[in-house]
Amino acid sequence: FGVYGAYICGSRTLIRWLVNKARPLIYSTAL
């Protein structure tokens, strides 16, 4: 992509879980 960042794709349940539990997401400033 030539830019910066990363993504996770999967089920809605997986993404909801990560939003609630993934510390690098929760405790980092947004891009």
Full PDB file with SEQRES, HELIX, SHEET, SSBOND, CRYST1, ORIGX, SCALE, CONECT and MASTER records, all heavy atoms in Angstrom:
SEQRES   1 A   31  PHE GLY VAL TYR GLY ALA TYR ILE CYS GLY SER ARG THR          
SEQRES   2 A   31  LEU ILE ARG TRP LEU VAL ASN LYS ALA ARG PRO LEU ILE          
SEQRES   3 A   31  TYR SER THR ALA LEU                                          
HELIX    1 AA1 ARG A   12  LYS A   21  1                                  10    
HELIX    2 AA2 ARG A   23  ILE A   26  1                                   4    
CRYST1    1.000    1.000    1.000  90.00  90.00  90.00 P 1           1          
ORIGX1      1.000000  0.000000  0.000000        0.00000                         
ORIGX2      0.000000  1.000000  0.000000        0.00000                         
ORIGX3      0.000000  0.000000  1.000000        0.00000                         
SCALE1      1.000000  0.000000  0.000000        0.00000                         
SCALE2      0.000000  1.000000  0.000000        0.00000                         
SCALE3      0.000000  0.000000  1.000000        0.00000                         
ATOM      1  N   PHE A   1       0.815  -1.216   0.000  1.00  0.00           N  
ATOM      2  CA  PHE A   1       0.000   0.000   0.000  1.00  0.00           C  
ATOM      3  C   PHE A   1       0.851   1.270   0.000  1.00  0.00           C  
ATOM      4  O   PHE A   1       0.345   2.345  -0.332  1.00  0.00           O  
ATOM      5  CB  PHE A   1      -0.916   0.017   1.223  1.00  0.00           C  
ATOM      6  CG  PHE A   1      -2.147  -0.835   1.097  1.00  0.00           C  
ATOM      7  CD1 PHE A   1      -2.056  -2.212   1.004  1.00  0.00           C  
ATOM      8  CD2 PHE A   1      -3.405  -0.257   1.062  1.00  0.00           C  
ATOM      9  CE1 PHE A   1      -3.182  -3.006   0.886  1.00  0.00           C  
ATOM     10  CE2 PHE A   1      -4.553  -1.035   0.943  1.00  0.00           C  
ATOM     11  CZ  PHE A   1      -4.433  -2.415   0.855  1.00  0.00           C  
ATOM     12  N   GLY A   2       2.093   1.167   0.394  1.00  0.00           N  
ATOM     13  CA  GLY A   2       2.981   2.314   0.365  1.00  0.00           C  
ATOM     14  C   GLY A   2       2.708   3.370   1.419  1.00  0.00           C  
ATOM     15  O   GLY A   2       3.200   4.509   1.299  1.00  0.00           O  
ATOM     16  N   VAL A   3       1.931   3.048   2.457  1.00  0.00           N  
ATOM     17  CA  VAL A   3       1.579   4.062   3.460  1.00  0.00           C  
ATOM     18  C   VAL A   3       2.044   3.567   4.839  1.00  0.00           C  
ATOM     19  O   VAL A   3       3.233   3.367   5.053  1.00  0.00           O  
ATOM     20  CB  VAL A   3       0.056   4.366   3.448  1.00  0.00           C  
ATOM     21  CG1 VAL A   3      -0.253   5.621   4.254  1.00  0.00           C  
ATOM     22  CG2 VAL A   3      -0.430   4.597   1.997  1.00  0.00           C  
ATOM     23  N   TYR A   4       1.135   3.340   5.775  1.00  0.00           N  
ATOM     24  CA  TYR A   4       1.497   2.922   7.128  1.00  0.00           C  
ATOM     25  C   TYR A   4       0.255   2.384   7.824  1.00  0.00           C  
ATOM     26  O   TYR A   4      -0.858   2.836   7.545  1.00  0.00           O  
ATOM     27  CB  TYR A   4       2.052   4.107   7.927  1.00  0.00           C  
ATOM     28  CG  TYR A   4       2.590   3.737   9.286  1.00  0.00           C  
ATOM     29  CD1 TYR A   4       3.774   3.002   9.407  1.00  0.00           C  
ATOM     30  CD2 TYR A   4       1.925   4.100  10.445  1.00  0.00           C  
ATOM     31  CE1 TYR A   4       4.271   2.653  10.650  1.00  0.00           C  
ATOM     32  CE2 TYR A   4       2.419   3.758  11.693  1.00  0.00           C  
ATOM     33  CZ  TYR A   4       3.592   3.032  11.796  1.00  0.00           C  
ATOM     34  OH  TYR A   4       4.085   2.683  13.026  1.00  0.00           O  
ATOM     35  N   GLY A   5       0.463   1.427   8.727  1.00  0.00           N  
ATOM     36  CA  GLY A   5      -0.645   0.877   9.486  1.00  0.00           C  
ATOM     37  C   GLY A   5      -0.851  -0.598   9.193  1.00  0.00           C  
ATOM     38  O   GLY A   5      -0.093  -1.225   8.445  1.00  0.00           O  
ATOM     39  N   ALA A   6      -1.893  -1.174   9.806  1.00  0.00           N  
ATOM     40  CA  ALA A   6      -2.189  -2.595   9.635  1.00  0.00           C  
ATOM     41  C   ALA A   6      -3.673  -2.835   9.856  1.00  0.00           C  
ATOM     42  O   ALA A   6      -4.381  -1.966  10.381  1.00  0.00           O  
ATOM     43  CB  ALA A   6      -1.362  -3.435  10.603  1.00  0.00           C  
ATOM     44  N   TYR A   7      -4.139  -4.021   9.468  1.00  0.00           N  
ATOM     45  CA  TYR A   7      -5.556  -4.349   9.644  1.00  0.00           C  
ATOM     46  C   TYR A   7      -5.720  -5.794  10.079  1.00  0.00           C  
ATOM     47  O   TYR A   7      -4.872  -6.650   9.834  1.00  0.00           O  
ATOM     48  CB  TYR A   7      -6.345  -4.115   8.349  1.00  0.00           C  
ATOM     49  CG  TYR A   7      -5.929  -5.013   7.205  1.00  0.00           C  
ATOM     50  CD1 TYR A   7      -6.499  -6.272   7.033  1.00  0.00           C  
ATOM     51  CD2 TYR A   7      -4.969  -4.595   6.282  1.00  0.00           C  
ATOM     52  CE1 TYR A   7      -6.112  -7.104   5.993  1.00  0.00           C  
ATOM     53  CE2 TYR A   7      -4.577  -5.416   5.234  1.00  0.00           C  
ATOM     54  CZ  TYR A   7      -5.150  -6.666   5.093  1.00  0.00           C  
ATOM     55  OH  TYR A   7      -4.760  -7.489   4.067  1.00  0.00           O  
ATOM     56  N   ILE A   8      -6.831  -6.037  10.731  1.00  0.00           N  
ATOM     57  CA  ILE A   8      -7.300  -7.390  11.043  1.00  0.00           C  
ATOM     58  C   ILE A   8      -8.696  -7.517  10.451  1.00  0.00           C  
ATOM     59  O   ILE A   8      -9.531  -6.623  10.620  1.00  0.00           O  
ATOM     60  CB  ILE A   8      -7.368  -7.631  12.564  1.00  0.00           C  
ATOM     61  CG1 ILE A   8      -5.972  -7.546  13.180  1.00  0.00           C  
ATOM     62  CG2 ILE A   8      -8.019  -8.977  12.869  1.00  0.00           C  
ATOM     63  CD1 ILE A   8      -5.031  -8.655  12.782  1.00  0.00           C  
ATOM     64  N   CYS A   9      -8.941  -8.614   9.744  1.00  0.00           N  
ATOM     65  CA  CYS A   9     -10.277  -8.889   9.214  1.00  0.00           C  
ATOM     66  C   CYS A   9     -10.745 -10.252   9.724  1.00  0.00           C  
ATOM     67  O   CYS A   9      -9.946 -11.174   9.878  1.00  0.00           O  
ATOM     68  CB  CYS A   9     -10.263  -8.890   7.684  1.00  0.00           C  
ATOM     69  SG  CYS A   9     -10.133  -7.250   6.932  1.00  0.00           S  
ATOM     70  N   GLY A  10     -12.042 -10.344   9.987  1.00  0.00           N  
ATOM     71  CA  GLY A  10     -12.612 -11.601  10.470  1.00  0.00           C  
ATOM     72  C   GLY A  10     -14.080 -11.440  10.782  1.00  0.00           C  
ATOM     73  O   GLY A  10     -14.774 -10.603  10.182  1.00  0.00           O  
ATOM     74  N   SER A  11     -14.559 -12.199  11.736  1.00  0.00           N  
ATOM     75  CA  SER A  11     -15.969 -12.135  12.119  1.00  0.00           C  
ATOM     76  C   SER A  11     -16.250 -10.883  12.943  1.00  0.00           C  
ATOM     77  O   SER A  11     -15.344 -10.279  13.526  1.00  0.00           O  
ATOM     78  CB  SER A  11     -16.348 -13.372  12.931  1.00  0.00           C  
ATOM     79  OG  SER A  11     -15.685 -13.347  14.195  1.00  0.00           O  
ATOM     80  N   ARG A  12     -17.527 -10.507  13.020  1.00  0.00           N  
ATOM     81  CA  ARG A  12     -17.912  -9.370  13.870  1.00  0.00           C  
ATOM     82  C   ARG A  12     -17.563  -9.650  15.332  1.00  0.00           C  
ATOM     83  O   ARG A  12     -17.144  -8.755  16.066  1.00  0.00           O  
ATOM     84  CB  ARG A  12     -19.406  -9.085  13.719  1.00  0.00           C  
ATOM     85  CG  ARG A  12     -19.795  -8.529  12.354  1.00  0.00           C  
ATOM     86  CD  ARG A  12     -21.257  -8.110  12.322  1.00  0.00           C  
ATOM     87  NE  ARG A  12     -21.638  -7.655  10.994  1.00  0.00           N  
ATOM     88  CZ  ARG A  12     -22.083  -8.458  10.031  1.00  0.00           C  
ATOM     89  NH1 ARG A  12     -22.226  -9.763  10.268  1.00  0.00           N  
ATOM     90  NH2 ARG A  12     -22.407  -7.974   8.845  1.00  0.00           N  
ATOM     91  N   THR A  13     -17.727 -10.895  15.728  1.00  0.00           N  
ATOM     92  CA  THR A  13     -17.414 -11.257  17.116  1.00  0.00           C  
ATOM     93  C   THR A  13     -15.928 -11.056  17.402  1.00  0.00           C  
ATOM     94  O   THR A  13     -15.556 -10.521  18.464  1.00  0.00           O  
ATOM     95  CB  THR A  13     -17.803 -12.719  17.387  1.00  0.00           C  
ATOM     96  OG1 THR A  13     -19.213 -12.872  17.183  1.00  0.00           O  
ATOM     97  CG2 THR A  13     -17.455 -13.123  18.814  1.00  0.00           C  
ATOM     98  N   LEU A  14     -15.074 -11.478  16.471  1.00  0.00           N  
ATOM     99  CA  LEU A  14     -13.632 -11.275  16.644  1.00  0.00           C  
ATOM    100  C   LEU A  14     -13.308  -9.799  16.805  1.00  0.00           C  
ATOM    101  O   LEU A  14     -12.564  -9.408  17.720  1.00  0.00           O  
ATOM    102  CB  LEU A  14     -12.878 -11.845  15.440  1.00  0.00           C  
ATOM    103  CG  LEU A  14     -11.394 -11.461  15.352  1.00  0.00           C  
ATOM    104  CD1 LEU A  14     -10.603 -12.119  16.466  1.00  0.00           C  
ATOM    105  CD2 LEU A  14     -10.820 -11.821  13.974  1.00  0.00           C  
ATOM    106  N   ILE A  15     -13.857  -8.955  15.935  1.00  0.00           N  
ATOM    107  CA  ILE A  15     -13.539  -7.532  15.975  1.00  0.00           C  
ATOM    108  C   ILE A  15     -14.069  -6.904  17.261  1.00  0.00           C  
ATOM    109  O   ILE A  15     -13.391  -6.076  17.894  1.00  0.00           O  
ATOM    110  CB  ILE A  15     -14.094  -6.817  14.731  1.00  0.00           C  
ATOM    111  CG1 ILE A  15     -13.471  -7.430  13.458  1.00  0.00           C  
ATOM    112  CG2 ILE A  15     -13.812  -5.331  14.806  1.00  0.00           C  
ATOM    113  CD1 ILE A  15     -11.950  -7.487  13.447  1.00  0.00           C  
ATOM    114  N   ARG A  16     -15.268  -7.283  17.694  1.00  0.00           N  
ATOM    115  CA  ARG A  16     -15.792  -6.768  18.970  1.00  0.00           C  
ATOM    116  C   ARG A  16     -14.883  -7.157  20.127  1.00  0.00           C  
ATOM    117  O   ARG A  16     -14.627  -6.357  21.039  1.00  0.00           O  
ATOM    118  CB  ARG A  16     -17.204  -7.309  19.215  1.00  0.00           C  
ATOM    119  CG  ARG A  16     -18.301  -6.663  18.364  1.00  0.00           C  
ATOM    120  CD  ARG A  16     -19.638  -7.329  18.608  1.00  0.00           C  
ATOM    121  NE  ARG A  16     -19.989  -7.323  20.029  1.00  0.00           N  
ATOM    122  CZ  ARG A  16     -20.756  -8.241  20.612  1.00  0.00           C  
ATOM    123  NH1 ARG A  16     -21.230  -9.271  19.902  1.00  0.00           N  
ATOM    124  NH2 ARG A  16     -21.047  -8.159  21.894  1.00  0.00           N  
ATOM    125  N   TRP A  17     -14.399  -8.394  20.108  1.00  0.00           N  
ATOM    126  CA  TRP A  17     -13.503  -8.868  21.155  1.00  0.00           C  
ATOM    127  C   TRP A  17     -12.219  -8.043  21.191  1.00  0.00           C  
ATOM    128  O   TRP A  17     -11.747  -7.631  22.256  1.00  0.00           O  
ATOM    129  CB  TRP A  17     -13.192 -10.337  20.920  1.00  0.00           C  
ATOM    130  CG  TRP A  17     -12.284 -10.966  21.937  1.00  0.00           C  
ATOM    131  CD1 TRP A  17     -10.967 -11.282  21.780  1.00  0.00           C  
ATOM    132  CD2 TRP A  17     -12.624 -11.356  23.264  1.00  0.00           C  
ATOM    133  NE1 TRP A  17     -10.456 -11.842  22.915  1.00  0.00           N  
ATOM    134  CE2 TRP A  17     -11.460 -11.908  23.855  1.00  0.00           C  
ATOM    135  CE3 TRP A  17     -13.804 -11.311  24.022  1.00  0.00           C  
ATOM    136  CZ2 TRP A  17     -11.435 -12.390  25.155  1.00  0.00           C  
ATOM    137  CZ3 TRP A  17     -13.778 -11.792  25.322  1.00  0.00           C  
ATOM    138  CH2 TRP A  17     -12.610 -12.323  25.879  1.00  0.00           C  
ATOM    139  N   LEU A  18     -11.656  -7.785  20.014  1.00  0.00           N  
ATOM    140  CA  LEU A  18     -10.416  -7.016  19.945  1.00  0.00           C  
ATOM    141  C   LEU A  18     -10.622  -5.574  20.414  1.00  0.00           C  
ATOM    142  O   LEU A  18      -9.758  -5.009  21.107  1.00  0.00           O  
ATOM    143  CB  LEU A  18      -9.866  -7.030  18.518  1.00  0.00           C  
ATOM    144  CG  LEU A  18      -9.421  -8.394  17.977  1.00  0.00           C  
ATOM    145  CD1 LEU A  18      -8.994  -8.284  16.530  1.00  0.00           C  
ATOM    146  CD2 LEU A  18      -8.304  -8.987  18.830  1.00  0.00           C  
ATOM    147  N   VAL A  19     -11.727  -4.984  20.045  1.00  0.00           N  
ATOM    148  CA  VAL A  19     -12.004  -3.613  20.481  1.00  0.00           C  
ATOM    149  C   VAL A  19     -12.065  -3.528  22.004  1.00  0.00           C  
ATOM    150  O   VAL A  19     -11.643  -2.533  22.612  1.00  0.00           O  
ATOM    151  CB  VAL A  19     -13.329  -3.107  19.857  1.00  0.00           C  
ATOM    152  CG1 VAL A  19     -13.792  -1.819  20.514  1.00  0.00           C  
ATOM    153  CG2 VAL A  19     -13.141  -2.893  18.353  1.00  0.00           C  
ATOM    154  N   ASN A  20     -12.550  -4.581  22.622  1.00  0.00           N  
ATOM    155  CA  ASN A  20     -12.685  -4.586  24.078  1.00  0.00           C  
ATOM    156  C   ASN A  20     -11.448  -5.084  24.816  1.00  0.00           C  
ATOM    157  O   ASN A  20     -11.274  -4.775  26.000  1.00  0.00           O  
ATOM    158  CB  ASN A  20     -13.878  -5.466  24.484  1.00  0.00           C  
ATOM    159  CG  ASN A  20     -15.204  -4.758  24.297  1.00  0.00           C  
ATOM    160  OD1 ASN A  20     -15.647  -4.024  25.172  1.00  0.00           O  
ATOM    161  ND2 ASN A  20     -15.828  -4.979  23.141  1.00  0.00           N  
ATOM    162  N   LYS A  21     -10.578  -5.837  24.123  1.00  0.00           N  
ATOM    163  CA  LYS A  21      -9.497  -6.522  24.833  1.00  0.00           C  
ATOM    164  C   LYS A  21      -8.081  -6.216  24.330  1.00  0.00           C  
ATOM    165  O   LYS A  21      -7.116  -6.438  25.075  1.00  0.00           O  
ATOM    166  CB  LYS A  21      -9.718  -8.035  24.746  1.00  0.00           C  
ATOM    167  CG  LYS A  21     -10.951  -8.540  25.495  1.00  0.00           C  
ATOM    168  CD  LYS A  21     -10.763  -8.440  27.002  1.00  0.00           C  
ATOM    169  CE  LYS A  21     -11.920  -9.080  27.752  1.00  0.00           C  
ATOM    170  NZ  LYS A  21     -11.716  -9.047  29.226  1.00  0.00           N  
ATOM    171  N   ALA A  22      -7.911  -5.781  23.095  1.00  0.00           N  
ATOM    172  CA  ALA A  22      -6.565  -5.633  22.522  1.00  0.00           C  
ATOM    173  C   ALA A  22      -5.882  -4.366  23.050  1.00  0.00           C  
ATOM    174  O   ALA A  22      -6.209  -3.253  22.649  1.00  0.00           O  
ATOM    175  CB  ALA A  22      -6.641  -5.604  20.996  1.00  0.00           C  
ATOM    176  N   ARG A  23      -4.938  -4.559  23.949  1.00  0.00           N  
ATOM    177  CA  ARG A  23      -4.287  -3.434  24.612  1.00  0.00           C  
ATOM    178  C   ARG A  23      -3.572  -2.475  23.649  1.00  0.00           C  
ATOM    179  O   ARG A  23      -3.637  -1.255  23.827  1.00  0.00           O  
ATOM    180  CB  ARG A  23      -3.323  -3.953  25.679  1.00  0.00           C  
ATOM    181  CG  ARG A  23      -4.042  -4.670  26.827  1.00  0.00           C  
ATOM    182  CD  ARG A  23      -3.066  -5.395  27.735  1.00  0.00           C  
ATOM    183  NE  ARG A  23      -2.248  -4.475  28.511  1.00  0.00           N  
ATOM    184  CZ  ARG A  23      -2.599  -3.962  29.683  1.00  0.00           C  
ATOM    185  NH1 ARG A  23      -3.777  -4.284  30.222  1.00  0.00           N  
ATOM    186  NH2 ARG A  23      -1.789  -3.161  30.330  1.00  0.00           N  
ATOM    187  N   PRO A  24      -2.875  -2.970  22.601  1.00  0.00           N  
ATOM    188  CA  PRO A  24      -2.229  -2.023  21.682  1.00  0.00           C  
ATOM    189  C   PRO A  24      -3.213  -1.096  20.967  1.00  0.00           C  
ATOM    190  O   PRO A  24      -2.840   0.005  20.578  1.00  0.00           O  
ATOM    191  CB  PRO A  24      -1.517  -2.945  20.688  1.00  0.00           C  
ATOM    192  CG  PRO A  24      -1.261  -4.189  21.451  1.00  0.00           C  
ATOM    193  CD  PRO A  24      -2.484  -4.362  22.305  1.00  0.00           C  
ATOM    194  N   LEU A  25      -4.460  -1.561  20.795  1.00  0.00           N  
ATOM    195  CA  LEU A  25      -5.485  -0.695  20.216  1.00  0.00           C  
ATOM    196  C   LEU A  25      -6.046   0.255  21.265  1.00  0.00           C  
ATOM    197  O   LEU A  25      -6.139   1.470  21.035  1.00  0.00           O  
ATOM    198  CB  LEU A  25      -6.612  -1.547  19.623  1.00  0.00           C  
ATOM    199  CG  LEU A  25      -7.779  -0.731  19.050  1.00  0.00           C  
ATOM    200  CD1 LEU A  25      -7.456  -0.295  17.642  1.00  0.00           C  
ATOM    201  CD2 LEU A  25      -9.071  -1.522  19.102  1.00  0.00           C  
ATOM    202  N   ILE A  26      -6.392  -0.282  22.416  1.00  0.00           N  
ATOM    203  CA  ILE A  26      -7.069   0.496  23.452  1.00  0.00           C  
ATOM    204  C   ILE A  26      -6.191   1.630  23.971  1.00  0.00           C  
ATOM    205  O   ILE A  26      -6.667   2.756  24.184  1.00  0.00           O  
ATOM    206  CB  ILE A  26      -7.487  -0.426  24.613  1.00  0.00           C  
ATOM    207  CG1 ILE A  26      -8.534  -1.445  24.129  1.00  0.00           C  
ATOM    208  CG2 ILE A  26      -8.034   0.380  25.794  1.00  0.00           C  
ATOM    209  CD1 ILE A  26      -8.796  -2.568  25.108  1.00  0.00           C  
ATOM    210  N   TYR A  27      -4.906   1.352  24.147  1.00  0.00           N  
ATOM    211  CA  TYR A  27      -4.032   2.308  24.822  1.00  0.00           C  
ATOM    212  C   TYR A  27      -3.092   3.052  23.876  1.00  0.00           C  
ATOM    213  O   TYR A  27      -2.046   3.542  24.294  1.00  0.00           O  
ATOM    214  CB  TYR A  27      -3.238   1.585  25.911  1.00  0.00           C  
ATOM    215  CG  TYR A  27      -4.135   0.988  26.967  1.00  0.00           C  
ATOM    216  CD1 TYR A  27      -4.288  -0.388  27.084  1.00  0.00           C  
ATOM    217  CD2 TYR A  27      -4.861   1.799  27.826  1.00  0.00           C  
ATOM    218  CE1 TYR A  27      -5.126  -0.938  28.038  1.00  0.00           C  
ATOM    219  CE2 TYR A  27      -5.711   1.261  28.780  1.00  0.00           C  
ATOM    220  CZ  TYR A  27      -5.835  -0.108  28.882  1.00  0.00           C  
ATOM    221  OH  TYR A  27      -6.679  -0.639  29.826  1.00  0.00           O  
ATOM    222  N   SER A  28      -3.463   3.142  22.604  1.00  0.00           N  
ATOM    223  CA  SER A  28      -2.658   3.884  21.631  1.00  0.00           C  
ATOM    224  C   SER A  28      -3.478   4.997  20.990  1.00  0.00           C  
ATOM    225  O   SER A  28      -4.686   4.847  20.764  1.00  0.00           O  
ATOM    226  CB  SER A  28      -2.150   2.950  20.526  1.00  0.00           C  
ATOM    227  OG  SER A  28      -1.213   2.034  21.029  1.00  0.00           O  
ATOM    228  N   THR A  29      -2.818   6.090  20.690  1.00  0.00           N  
ATOM    229  CA  THR A  29      -3.462   7.180  19.961  1.00  0.00           C  
ATOM    230  C   THR A  29      -3.808   6.720  18.547  1.00  0.00           C  
ATOM    231  O   THR A  29      -3.037   5.991  17.908  1.00  0.00           O  
ATOM    232  CB  THR A  29      -2.525   8.397  19.902  1.00  0.00           C  
ATOM    233  OG1 THR A  29      -2.265   8.840  21.244  1.00  0.00           O  
ATOM    234  CG2 THR A  29      -3.140   9.541  19.115  1.00  0.00           C  
ATOM    235  N   ALA A  30      -4.948   7.141  18.056  1.00  0.00           N  
ATOM    236  CA  ALA A  30      -5.382   6.771  16.705  1.00  0.00           C  
ATOM    237  C   ALA A  30      -4.437   7.344  15.659  1.00  0.00           C  
ATOM    238  O   ALA A  30      -3.772   8.355  15.881  1.00  0.00           O  
ATOM    239  CB  ALA A  30      -6.800   7.280  16.465  1.00  0.00           C  
ATOM    240  N   LEU A  31      -4.385   6.682  14.524  1.00  0.00           N  
ATOM    241  CA  LEU A  31      -3.566   7.176  13.421  1.00  0.00           C  
ATOM    242  C   LEU A  31      -4.028   8.566  12.986  1.00  0.00           C  
ATOM    243  O   LEU A  31      -5.220   8.880  13.057  1.00  0.00           O  
ATOM    244  CB  LEU A  31      -3.635   6.219  12.233  1.00  0.00           C  
ATOM    245  CG  LEU A  31      -2.839   4.914  12.348  1.00  0.00           C  
ATOM    246  CD1 LEU A  31      -3.238   3.964  11.227  1.00  0.00           C  
ATOM    247  CD2 LEU A  31      -1.352   5.184  12.312  1.00  0.00           C  
TER     248      LEU A  31                                                      
MASTER        0    0    0    2    0    0    0    6  247    1    0    3          
END                                                                             
